[in-house]
């Protein structure tokens, strides 16, 4: 069975681990509602993708509690 040839020094460990940091999330604005959304994902607020409605979004609890204005 193979064994490591040399001890990994502390500087080698740090240099290797320098790429383990979390990347910053890249957000873009939804074209319909202008809220932040992940790229290549449907908007979780309005359900649009590429300018078209693709997902039916349920209303939040706060929106359902508001009294409806009578017309």
Protein backbone atom coordinates (compact mmCIF):
# COMPACT_ATOMS: atom_id res chain seq x y z
CA UNK A 1 0.00 0.00 0.00
CA UNK A 2 1.34 3.44 -0.91
CA UNK A 3 2.39 5.91 1.75
CA UNK A 4 2.98 9.65 1.52
CA UNK A 5 6.57 10.33 0.52
CA UNK A 6 7.08 13.53 2.53
CA UNK A 7 5.47 15.36 5.38
CA UNK A 8 3.07 18.13 4.31
CA UNK A 9 4.42 21.34 5.83
CA UNK A 10 2.17 23.93 7.46
CA UNK A 11 2.75 26.36 4.58
CA UNK A 12 1.76 23.66 2.08
CA UNK A 13 -1.44 23.01 4.07
CA UNK A 14 -2.32 26.71 4.11
CA UNK A 15 -1.61 27.10 0.41
CA UNK A 16 -3.79 24.08 -0.39
CA UNK A 17 -6.60 25.24 1.91
CA UNK A 18 -6.63 28.78 0.47
CA UNK A 19 -9.21 27.64 -2.11
CA UNK A 20 -11.63 26.18 0.45
CA UNK A 21 -13.27 29.53 1.30
CA UNK A 22 -16.94 30.02 0.44
CA UNK A 23 -17.60 32.00 -2.72
CA UNK A 24 -19.74 35.14 -2.65
CA UNK A 25 -23.26 34.54 -4.01
CA UNK A 26 -23.77 36.27 -7.33
CA UNK A 27 -27.29 37.77 -7.43
CA UNK A 28 -29.03 39.50 -10.30
CA UNK A 29 -32.30 41.45 -10.44
CA UNK A 30 -35.54 39.86 -11.60
CA UNK A 31 -36.71 41.46 -14.84
CA UNK A 32 -40.34 41.58 -13.67
CA UNK A 33 -40.26 42.53 -9.97
CA UNK A 34 -36.63 43.78 -9.63
CA UNK A 35 -35.99 41.63 -6.53
CA UNK A 36 -32.66 39.77 -6.14
CA UNK A 37 -32.64 36.28 -7.64
CA UNK A 38 -30.00 33.64 -8.36
CA UNK A 39 -28.90 33.51 -11.99
CA UNK A 40 -30.55 30.79 -14.11
CA UNK A 41 -33.33 30.30 -11.52
CA UNK A 42 -37.01 31.25 -11.61
CA UNK A 43 -37.86 34.20 -9.35
CA UNK A 44 -39.23 32.90 -6.03
CA UNK A 45 -41.33 36.06 -5.56
CA UNK A 46 -43.18 36.36 -8.88
CA UNK A 47 -42.40 33.05 -10.64
CA UNK A 48 -40.97 34.48 -13.85
CA UNK A 49 -37.95 33.30 -15.81
CA UNK A 50 -36.71 34.96 -18.96
CA UNK A 51 -39.63 37.40 -18.93
CA UNK A 52 -42.25 34.61 -18.90
CA UNK A 53 -44.41 33.32 -16.04
CA UNK A 54 -43.21 29.74 -15.48
CA UNK A 55 -44.11 28.95 -11.85
CA UNK A 56 -47.29 29.64 -9.92
CA UNK A 57 -46.21 31.20 -6.62
CA UNK A 58 -48.31 30.80 -3.48
CA UNK A 59 -49.03 33.98 -1.58
CA UNK A 60 -47.28 34.36 1.76
CA UNK A 61 -49.18 34.28 5.06
CA UNK A 62 -48.80 38.05 5.46
CA UNK A 63 -50.36 38.69 2.04
CA UNK A 64 -53.32 36.41 2.83
CA UNK A 65 -54.08 38.22 6.10
CA UNK A 66 -54.48 41.64 4.45
CA UNK A 67 -58.13 42.53 3.90
CA UNK A 68 -59.14 42.63 0.25
CA UNK A 69 -60.20 46.05 -1.03
CA UNK A 70 -63.73 45.95 -2.45
CA UNK A 71 -64.14 47.34 -5.92
